[in-house]
Amino acid sequence: MLVSFTIPAILELHTPAAEALADTFLEKWNKLYPKNPLGKSTFEAINGGFKKRFCFITTAVCSSLGKDDDCAELNAFRKFRDEWFAETPEGRAKINEYYLFAPMIVSAIDRCAESKTVYRQIWDRHLTPCLKMIESGKQEECAKQYETMILELERKWLS
């Protein structure tokens, strides 16, 4: 995980030398670890692109299942995020944590040949029960379920 933040940290220097260092680092990394390639991205691109939604993994799952970005399921998760989860300091801290790791998890899953199967398993095992909890007014249980999902996915896809 630390490596994923190295390039944005280098690029924050905004110098030609930093740009060259990032290019060299990426070239060597991608040659040594072709199954785990890294791309050149800035902190602003990562942060701005992923802070739009806590449901980054949920969005990837729904997309894999052929659901629209405006589907009822994603809207329910976004409403849960905005109207319940983000209202507590702990919830906001968790959301910020998800913003850091969810994009890397999705990227790792997307590189997997069986990504559709993986996303279906996430849907069946975690998101469907979580959605039912939201619909039943059991937001705290959903938050725990989502956290369990994130921890499992971090262990599997980021280690």
N, C-alpha and C. Protein backbone atom coordinates (compact mmCIF):
# COMPACT_ATOMS: atom_id res chain seq x y z
N MET A 1 0.82 -1.19 0.00
CA MET A 1 0.00 0.00 0.00
C MET A 1 0.86 1.25 0.00
N LEU A 2 1.95 1.21 0.74
CA LEU A 2 2.82 2.37 0.82
C LEU A 2 3.34 2.75 -0.56
N VAL A 3 3.66 1.75 -1.37
CA VAL A 3 4.19 2.01 -2.71
C VAL A 3 3.19 2.81 -3.54
N SER A 4 1.90 2.56 -3.36
CA SER A 4 0.87 3.26 -4.13
C SER A 4 0.85 4.75 -3.85
N PHE A 5 1.39 5.14 -2.71
CA PHE A 5 1.42 6.56 -2.35
C PHE A 5 2.77 7.20 -2.63
N THR A 6 3.75 6.38 -2.99
CA THR A 6 5.10 6.91 -3.23
C THR A 6 5.13 7.86 -4.42
N ILE A 7 4.55 7.45 -5.52
CA ILE A 7 4.57 8.29 -6.72
C ILE A 7 3.85 9.63 -6.48
N PRO A 8 2.63 9.62 -5.94
CA PRO A 8 2.00 10.92 -5.66
C PRO A 8 2.83 11.80 -4.73
N ALA A 9 3.51 11.18 -3.75
CA ALA A 9 4.34 11.96 -2.83
C ALA A 9 5.52 12.59 -3.57
N ILE A 10 6.14 11.82 -4.45
CA ILE A 10 7.26 12.36 -5.24
C ILE A 10 6.77 13.50 -6.13
N LEU A 11 5.65 13.28 -6.79
CA LEU A 11 5.13 14.28 -7.73
C LEU A 11 4.68 15.57 -7.04
N GLU A 12 4.42 15.51 -5.74
CA GLU A 12 4.04 16.71 -4.99
C GLU A 12 5.16 17.75 -4.98
N LEU A 13 6.38 17.34 -5.28
CA LEU A 13 7.50 18.29 -5.31
C LEU A 13 7.41 19.23 -6.51
N HIS A 14 6.69 18.82 -7.56
CA HIS A 14 6.45 19.66 -8.74
C HIS A 14 7.76 20.19 -9.36
N THR A 15 8.72 19.28 -9.53
CA THR A 15 9.98 19.65 -10.18
C THR A 15 10.28 18.65 -11.29
N PRO A 16 11.11 19.05 -12.26
CA PRO A 16 11.51 18.10 -13.30
C PRO A 16 12.23 16.88 -12.71
N ALA A 17 13.02 17.10 -11.68
CA ALA A 17 13.74 15.98 -11.05
C ALA A 17 12.76 15.00 -10.41
N ALA A 18 11.72 15.51 -9.79
CA ALA A 18 10.71 14.63 -9.19
C ALA A 18 9.98 13.84 -10.26
N GLU A 19 9.68 14.50 -11.36
CA GLU A 19 9.02 13.85 -12.49
C GLU A 19 9.89 12.71 -13.03
N ALA A 20 11.18 12.97 -13.20
CA ALA A 20 12.11 11.96 -13.69
C ALA A 20 12.25 10.80 -12.69
N LEU A 21 12.31 11.14 -11.41
CA LEU A 21 12.39 10.09 -10.38
C LEU A 21 11.15 9.21 -10.41
N ALA A 22 9.98 9.80 -10.52
CA ALA A 22 8.74 9.03 -10.59
C ALA A 22 8.74 8.11 -11.81
N ASP A 23 9.18 8.63 -12.95
CA ASP A 23 9.24 7.82 -14.17
C ASP A 23 10.19 6.63 -13.99
N THR A 24 11.36 6.89 -13.43
CA THR A 24 12.34 5.83 -13.20
C THR A 24 11.80 4.79 -12.22
N PHE A 25 11.21 5.26 -11.14
CA PHE A 25 10.63 4.36 -10.14
C PHE A 25 9.58 3.45 -10.79
N LEU A 26 8.67 4.06 -11.55
CA LEU A 26 7.60 3.29 -12.19
C LEU A 26 8.15 2.29 -13.20
N GLU A 27 9.13 2.70 -13.96
CA GLU A 27 9.73 1.80 -14.94
C GLU A 27 10.33 0.57 -14.26
N LYS A 28 11.10 0.80 -13.20
CA LYS A 28 11.72 -0.32 -12.48
C LYS A 28 10.67 -1.18 -11.77
N TRP A 29 9.71 -0.53 -11.12
CA TRP A 29 8.67 -1.27 -10.41
C TRP A 29 7.89 -2.18 -11.38
N ASN A 30 7.44 -1.61 -12.47
CA ASN A 30 6.61 -2.35 -13.41
C ASN A 30 7.37 -3.45 -14.12
N LYS A 31 8.69 -3.29 -14.25
CA LYS A 31 9.51 -4.36 -14.81
C LYS A 31 9.67 -5.50 -13.81
N LEU A 32 9.89 -5.16 -12.54
CA LEU A 32 10.07 -6.17 -11.50
C LEU A 32 8.76 -6.85 -11.09
N TYR A 33 7.66 -6.10 -11.13
CA TYR A 33 6.38 -6.61 -10.64
C TYR A 33 5.29 -6.42 -11.70
N PRO A 34 5.39 -7.12 -12.81
CA PRO A 34 4.42 -6.92 -13.89
C PRO A 34 2.98 -7.30 -13.52
N LYS A 35 2.82 -8.14 -12.53
CA LYS A 35 1.46 -8.52 -12.11
C LYS A 35 0.84 -7.48 -11.19
N ASN A 36 1.64 -6.55 -10.71
CA ASN A 36 1.17 -5.48 -9.82
C ASN A 36 1.65 -4.13 -10.34
N PRO A 37 1.27 -3.77 -11.54
CA PRO A 37 1.79 -2.52 -12.12
C PRO A 37 1.23 -1.28 -11.42
N LEU A 38 2.04 -0.25 -11.44
CA LEU A 38 1.62 1.04 -10.90
C LEU A 38 1.54 2.05 -12.03
N GLY A 39 0.67 3.02 -11.86
CA GLY A 39 0.56 4.10 -12.83
C GLY A 39 0.98 5.40 -12.19
N LYS A 40 1.14 6.40 -13.02
CA LYS A 40 1.58 7.71 -12.56
C LYS A 40 0.35 8.54 -12.23
N SER A 41 0.19 8.86 -10.97
CA SER A 41 -0.96 9.62 -10.54
C SER A 41 -0.56 10.58 -9.43
N THR A 42 -1.23 11.71 -9.39
CA THR A 42 -0.98 12.69 -8.34
C THR A 42 -1.95 12.47 -7.19
N PHE A 43 -1.61 13.06 -6.06
CA PHE A 43 -2.50 12.98 -4.91
C PHE A 43 -3.86 13.60 -5.23
N GLU A 44 -3.84 14.74 -5.94
CA GLU A 44 -5.09 15.42 -6.27
C GLU A 44 -5.99 14.53 -7.12
N ALA A 45 -5.40 13.82 -8.07
CA ALA A 45 -6.19 12.94 -8.93
C ALA A 45 -6.79 11.79 -8.14
N ILE A 46 -5.99 11.21 -7.27
CA ILE A 46 -6.49 10.10 -6.45
C ILE A 46 -7.56 10.61 -5.50
N ASN A 47 -7.23 11.63 -4.76
CA ASN A 47 -8.16 12.16 -3.75
C ASN A 47 -9.43 12.71 -4.38
N GLY A 48 -9.31 13.48 -5.42
CA GLY A 48 -10.48 14.07 -6.06
C GLY A 48 -11.35 13.03 -6.73
N GLY A 49 -10.73 12.06 -7.35
CA GLY A 49 -11.49 11.05 -8.06
C GLY A 49 -12.24 10.11 -7.14
N PHE A 50 -11.72 9.87 -5.96
CA PHE A 50 -12.32 8.86 -5.12
C PHE A 50 -13.10 9.42 -3.95
N LYS A 51 -12.94 10.69 -3.65
CA LYS A 51 -13.72 11.27 -2.56
C LYS A 51 -15.16 11.51 -2.98
N LYS A 52 -15.46 11.30 -4.23
CA LYS A 52 -16.82 11.52 -4.69
C LYS A 52 -17.79 10.53 -4.08
N ARG A 53 -17.29 9.36 -3.74
CA ARG A 53 -18.23 8.38 -3.19
C ARG A 53 -17.54 7.37 -2.30
N PHE A 54 -18.14 7.15 -1.16
CA PHE A 54 -17.77 6.13 -0.19
C PHE A 54 -18.03 4.77 -0.81
N CYS A 55 -18.91 4.73 -1.76
CA CYS A 55 -19.36 3.48 -2.36
C CYS A 55 -18.50 3.08 -3.55
N PHE A 56 -17.21 3.37 -3.52
CA PHE A 56 -16.35 3.05 -4.65
C PHE A 56 -16.40 1.56 -4.96
N ILE A 57 -16.25 0.72 -3.96
CA ILE A 57 -16.32 -0.73 -4.18
C ILE A 57 -17.73 -1.11 -4.60
N THR A 58 -18.71 -0.54 -3.95
CA THR A 58 -20.10 -0.84 -4.29
C THR A 58 -20.39 -0.42 -5.73
N THR A 59 -19.86 0.69 -6.16
CA THR A 59 -20.04 1.14 -7.53
C THR A 59 -19.41 0.15 -8.51
N ALA A 60 -18.21 -0.32 -8.20
CA ALA A 60 -17.55 -1.30 -9.07
C ALA A 60 -18.36 -2.59 -9.13
N VAL A 61 -18.87 -3.02 -7.99
CA VAL A 61 -19.68 -4.25 -7.94
C VAL A 61 -20.94 -4.06 -8.77
N CYS A 62 -21.65 -2.97 -8.55
CA CYS A 62 -22.90 -2.73 -9.29
C CYS A 62 -22.63 -2.62 -10.79
N SER A 63 -21.57 -1.95 -11.16
CA SER A 63 -21.22 -1.84 -12.57
C SER A 63 -20.96 -3.22 -13.17
N SER A 64 -20.27 -4.06 -12.42
CA SER A 64 -19.99 -5.42 -12.87
C SER A 64 -21.28 -6.23 -13.06
N LEU A 65 -22.29 -5.91 -12.26
CA LEU A 65 -23.57 -6.59 -12.35
C LEU A 65 -24.50 -5.95 -13.38
N GLY A 66 -24.02 -4.93 -14.07
CA GLY A 66 -24.81 -4.28 -15.11
C GLY A 66 -25.78 -3.22 -14.59
N LYS A 67 -25.56 -2.75 -13.38
CA LYS A 67 -26.43 -1.72 -12.80
C LYS A 67 -25.90 -0.33 -13.14
N ASP A 68 -26.80 0.62 -13.31
CA ASP A 68 -26.44 2.01 -13.59
C ASP A 68 -25.82 2.68 -12.37
N ASP A 69 -25.11 3.78 -12.63
CA ASP A 69 -24.53 4.56 -11.54
C ASP A 69 -25.63 5.22 -10.70
N ASP A 70 -26.81 5.31 -11.25
CA ASP A 70 -27.94 5.92 -10.54
C ASP A 70 -28.97 4.87 -10.09
N CYS A 71 -28.53 3.62 -9.94
CA CYS A 71 -29.47 2.56 -9.56
C CYS A 71 -29.92 2.72 -8.11
N ALA A 72 -31.00 2.07 -7.78
CA ALA A 72 -31.58 2.18 -6.43
C ALA A 72 -30.59 1.73 -5.36
N GLU A 73 -29.83 0.69 -5.65
CA GLU A 73 -28.89 0.16 -4.65
C GLU A 73 -27.80 1.18 -4.33
N LEU A 74 -27.19 1.74 -5.36
CA LEU A 74 -26.14 2.75 -5.11
C LEU A 74 -26.70 3.98 -4.43
N ASN A 75 -27.89 4.39 -4.83
CA ASN A 75 -28.51 5.55 -4.17
C ASN A 75 -28.78 5.27 -2.71
N ALA A 76 -29.17 4.05 -2.37
CA ALA A 76 -29.40 3.69 -0.97
C ALA A 76 -28.09 3.75 -0.17
N PHE A 77 -27.01 3.23 -0.76
CA PHE A 77 -25.71 3.28 -0.07
C PHE A 77 -25.22 4.72 0.06
N ARG A 78 -25.42 5.53 -0.95
CA ARG A 78 -24.99 6.94 -0.88
C ARG A 78 -25.80 7.71 0.16
N LYS A 79 -27.09 7.43 0.22
CA LYS A 79 -27.94 8.08 1.22
C LYS A 79 -27.49 7.67 2.63
N PHE A 80 -27.18 6.39 2.80
CA PHE A 80 -26.67 5.88 4.07
C PHE A 80 -25.38 6.63 4.44
N ARG A 81 -24.50 6.77 3.48
CA ARG A 81 -23.24 7.48 3.72
C ARG A 81 -23.48 8.93 4.13
N ASP A 82 -24.28 9.63 3.33
CA ASP A 82 -24.45 11.07 3.52
C ASP A 82 -25.34 11.44 4.70
N GLU A 83 -26.37 10.66 4.94
CA GLU A 83 -27.35 11.03 5.97
C GLU A 83 -27.18 10.30 7.29
N TRP A 84 -26.32 9.30 7.33
CA TRP A 84 -26.12 8.61 8.60
C TRP A 84 -24.64 8.46 8.93
N PHE A 85 -23.90 7.80 8.06
CA PHE A 85 -22.51 7.47 8.36
C PHE A 85 -21.64 8.70 8.51
N ALA A 86 -21.78 9.67 7.63
CA ALA A 86 -20.94 10.87 7.65
C ALA A 86 -21.30 11.83 8.78
N GLU A 87 -22.36 11.54 9.49
CA GLU A 87 -22.81 12.43 10.57
C GLU A 87 -22.04 12.23 11.87
N THR A 88 -21.20 11.20 11.95
CA THR A 88 -20.44 10.96 13.18
C THR A 88 -18.95 11.12 12.89
N PRO A 89 -18.17 11.52 13.88
CA PRO A 89 -16.72 11.63 13.67
C PRO A 89 -16.11 10.28 13.27
N GLU A 90 -16.55 9.20 13.90
CA GLU A 90 -16.03 7.87 13.55
C GLU A 90 -16.40 7.52 12.11
N GLY A 91 -17.60 7.84 11.71
CA GLY A 91 -18.03 7.57 10.35
C GLY A 91 -17.21 8.34 9.33
N ARG A 92 -16.96 9.61 9.61
CA ARG A 92 -16.15 10.42 8.70
C ARG A 92 -14.73 9.87 8.60
N ALA A 93 -14.18 9.42 9.72
CA ALA A 93 -12.83 8.84 9.72
C ALA A 93 -12.79 7.56 8.89
N LYS A 94 -13.82 6.74 9.03
CA LYS A 94 -13.89 5.51 8.24
C LYS A 94 -14.02 5.81 6.76
N ILE A 95 -14.82 6.79 6.43
CA ILE A 95 -14.99 7.18 5.02
C ILE A 95 -13.64 7.60 4.44
N ASN A 96 -12.88 8.41 5.18
CA ASN A 96 -11.56 8.83 4.70
C ASN A 96 -10.63 7.64 4.51
N GLU A 97 -10.72 6.67 5.41
CA GLU A 97 -9.91 5.45 5.28
C GLU A 97 -10.30 4.69 4.01
N TYR A 98 -11.59 4.56 3.76
CA TYR A 98 -12.05 3.88 2.56
C TYR A 98 -11.56 4.58 1.30
N TYR A 99 -11.53 5.91 1.32
CA TYR A 99 -11.06 6.66 0.15
C TYR A 99 -9.62 6.28 -0.19
N LEU A 100 -8.84 5.96 0.81
CA LEU A 100 -7.46 5.59 0.57
C LEU A 100 -7.32 4.20 -0.04
N PHE A 101 -8.07 3.24 0.48
CA PHE A 101 -7.83 1.85 0.13
C PHE A 101 -8.77 1.28 -0.92
N ALA A 102 -9.98 1.76 -0.98
CA ALA A 102 -10.96 1.20 -1.93
C ALA A 102 -10.49 1.26 -3.38
N PRO A 103 -9.91 2.38 -3.83
CA PRO A 103 -9.45 2.42 -5.22
C PRO A 103 -8.39 1.36 -5.52
N MET A 104 -7.50 1.11 -4.57
CA MET A 104 -6.47 0.10 -4.78
C MET A 104 -7.07 -1.30 -4.80
N ILE A 105 -8.08 -1.52 -3.96
CA ILE A 105 -8.75 -2.82 -3.95
C ILE A 105 -9.43 -3.06 -5.28
N VAL A 106 -10.18 -2.07 -5.75
CA VAL A 106 -10.88 -2.22 -7.03
C VAL A 106 -9.89 -2.43 -8.17
N SER A 107 -8.79 -1.70 -8.15
CA SER A 107 -7.78 -1.86 -9.19
C SER A 107 -7.21 -3.28 -9.19
N ALA A 108 -6.95 -3.81 -8.01
CA ALA A 108 -6.42 -5.18 -7.91
C ALA A 108 -7.45 -6.20 -8.41
N ILE A 109 -8.70 -6.02 -8.02
CA ILE A 109 -9.75 -6.93 -8.48
C ILE A 109 -9.91 -6.84 -9.99
N ASP A 110 -9.88 -5.63 -10.52
CA ASP A 110 -10.04 -5.44 -11.97
C ASP A 110 -8.94 -6.13 -12.77
N ARG A 111 -7.76 -6.29 -12.19
CA ARG A 111 -6.67 -6.97 -12.88
C ARG A 111 -6.82 -8.49 -12.84
N CYS A 112 -7.71 -8.97 -12.00
CA CYS A 112 -7.94 -10.41 -11.83
C CYS A 112 -8.79 -10.94 -12.99
N ALA A 113 -8.43 -12.09 -13.50
CA ALA A 113 -9.17 -12.69 -14.62
C ALA A 113 -10.61 -13.04 -14.23
N GLU A 114 -10.85 -13.26 -12.96
CA GLU A 114 -12.18 -13.65 -12.47
C GLU A 114 -12.87 -12.50 -11.75
N SER A 115 -12.64 -11.27 -12.20
CA SER A 115 -13.17 -10.11 -11.48
C SER A 115 -14.69 -10.14 -11.36
N LYS A 116 -15.39 -10.55 -12.40
CA LYS A 116 -16.87 -10.60 -12.32
C LYS A 116 -17.32 -11.55 -11.22
N THR A 117 -16.65 -12.67 -11.09
CA THR A 117 -16.98 -13.63 -10.02
C THR A 117 -16.68 -13.03 -8.66
N VAL A 118 -15.56 -12.35 -8.55
CA VAL A 118 -15.19 -11.72 -7.27
C VAL A 118 -16.23 -10.67 -6.89
N TYR A 119 -16.62 -9.83 -7.85
CA TYR A 119 -17.61 -8.81 -7.55
C TYR A 119 -18.96 -9.44 -7.18
N ARG A 120 -19.34 -10.51 -7.83
CA ARG A 120 -20.59 -11.20 -7.49
C ARG A 120 -20.53 -11.74 -6.06
N GLN A 121 -19.38 -12.28 -5.67
CA GLN A 121 -19.22 -12.78 -4.30
C GLN A 121 -19.32 -11.64 -3.28
N ILE A 122 -18.74 -10.50 -3.60
CA ILE A 122 -18.84 -9.34 -2.70
C ILE A 122 -20.30 -8.92 -2.57
N TRP A 123 -21.00 -8.90 -3.69
CA TRP A 123 -22.42 -8.54 -3.68
C TRP A 123 -23.21 -9.50 -2.79
N ASP A 124 -23.03 -10.79 -3.02
CA ASP A 124 -23.80 -11.80 -2.29
C ASP A 124 -23.43 -11.85 -0.81
N ARG A 125 -22.15 -11.81 -0.52
CA ARG A 125 -21.69 -12.01 0.86
C ARG A 125 -21.83 -10.76 1.73
N HIS A 126 -21.59 -9.59 1.14
CA HIS A 126 -21.54 -8.38 1.96
C HIS A 126 -22.59 -7.33 1.63
N LEU A 127 -22.70 -6.99 0.36
CA LEU A 127 -23.52 -5.83 0.02
C LEU A 127 -25.01 -6.10 0.08
N THR A 128 -25.45 -7.27 -0.34
CA THR A 128 -26.88 -7.58 -0.24
C THR A 128 -27.35 -7.57 1.22
N PRO A 129 -26.62 -8.25 2.13
CA PRO A 129 -27.03 -8.16 3.54
C PRO A 129 -26.99 -6.73 4.07
N CYS A 130 -25.97 -5.97 3.67
CA CYS A 130 -25.84 -4.59 4.13
C CYS A 130 -27.02 -3.75 3.64
N LEU A 131 -27.41 -3.95 2.40
CA LEU A 131 -28.54 -3.22 1.84
C LEU A 131 -29.83 -3.54 2.60
N LYS A 132 -30.02 -4.79 2.94
CA LYS A 132 -31.19 -5.20 3.72
C LYS A 132 -31.18 -4.54 5.10
N MET A 133 -29.99 -4.40 5.68
CA MET A 133 -29.88 -3.73 6.98
C MET A 133 -30.27 -2.26 6.86
N ILE A 134 -29.81 -1.61 5.80
CA ILE A 134 -30.18 -0.20 5.58
C ILE A 134 -31.69 -0.08 5.45
N GLU A 135 -32.28 -0.95 4.65
CA GLU A 135 -33.73 -0.90 4.42
C GLU A 135 -34.52 -1.19 5.69
N SER A 136 -33.90 -1.92 6.62
CA SER A 136 -34.56 -2.25 7.89
C SER A 136 -34.24 -1.25 8.99
N GLY A 137 -33.50 -0.19 8.64
CA GLY A 137 -33.16 0.81 9.64
C GLY A 137 -32.04 0.39 10.58
N LYS A 138 -31.26 -0.61 10.18
CA LYS A 138 -30.17 -1.11 11.02
C LYS A 138 -28.84 -0.58 10.50
N GLN A 139 -28.71 0.74 10.52
CA GLN A 139 -27.54 1.39 9.95
C GLN A 139 -26.24 0.98 10.64
N GLU A 140 -26.27 0.87 11.96
CA GLU A 140 -25.05 0.51 12.67
C GLU A 140 -24.58 -0.89 12.28
N GLU A 141 -25.52 -1.81 12.11
CA GLU A 141 -25.15 -3.15 11.67
C GLU A 141 -24.57 -3.11 10.26
N CYS A 142 -25.14 -2.28 9.40
CA CYS A 142 -24.61 -2.13 8.05
C CYS A 142 -23.18 -1.59 8.10
N ALA A 143 -22.95 -0.59 8.94
CA ALA A 143 -21.61 -0.02 9.05
C ALA A 143 -20.61 -1.09 9.46
N LYS A 144 -20.98 -1.94 10.39
CA LYS A 144 -20.09 -3.03 10.82
C LYS A 144 -19.86 -4.03 9.69
N GLN A 145 -20.92 -4.35 8.97
CA GLN A 145 -20.81 -5.28 7.84
C GLN A 145 -19.88 -4.71 6.76
N TYR A 146 -20.04 -3.43 6.47
CA TYR A 146 -19.21 -2.79 5.45
C TYR A 146 -17.75 -2.77 5.90
N GLU A 147 -17.52 -2.49 7.18
CA GLU A 147 -16.16 -2.48 7.69
C GLU A 147 -15.54 -3.88 7.61
N THR A 148 -16.30 -4.89 7.94
CA THR A 148 -15.82 -6.27 7.82
C THR A 148 -15.43 -6.57 6.38
N MET A 149 -16.27 -6.15 5.45
CA MET A 149 -15.99 -6.35 4.03
C MET A 149 -14.67 -5.67 3.65
N ILE A 150 -14.50 -4.42 4.04
CA ILE A 150 -13.29 -3.68 3.69
C ILE A 150 -12.05 -4.37 4.25
N LEU A 151 -12.11 -4.79 5.51
CA LEU A 151 -10.96 -5.45 6.12
C LEU A 151 -10.61 -6.75 5.41
N GLU A 152 -11.62 -7.53 5.06
CA GLU A 152 -11.38 -8.78 4.31
C GLU A 152 -10.77 -8.49 2.95
N LEU A 153 -11.29 -7.49 2.26
CA LEU A 153 -10.79 -7.16 0.94
C LEU A 153 -9.36 -6.59 1.01
N GLU A 154 -9.08 -5.80 2.03
CA GLU A 154 -7.71 -5.28 2.20
C GLU A 154 -6.74 -6.43 2.39
N ARG A 155 -7.09 -7.39 3.26
CA ARG A 155 -6.21 -8.52 3.51
C ARG A 155 -5.98 -9.34 2.25
N LYS A 156 -7.03 -9.57 1.49
CA LYS A 156 -6.92 -10.41 0.31
C LYS A 156 -6.24 -9.71 -0.87
N TRP A 157 -6.60 -8.45 -1.12
CA TRP A 157 -6.18 -7.79 -2.36
C TRP A 157 -5.02 -6.82 -2.21
N LEU A 158 -4.66 -6.46 -0.98
CA LEU A 158 -3.59 -5.48 -0.79
C LEU A 158 -2.37 -6.05 -0.07
N SER A 159 -2.36 -7.34 0.15
CA SER A 159 -1.20 -7.91 0.85
C SER A 159 -0.28 -8.65 -0.08
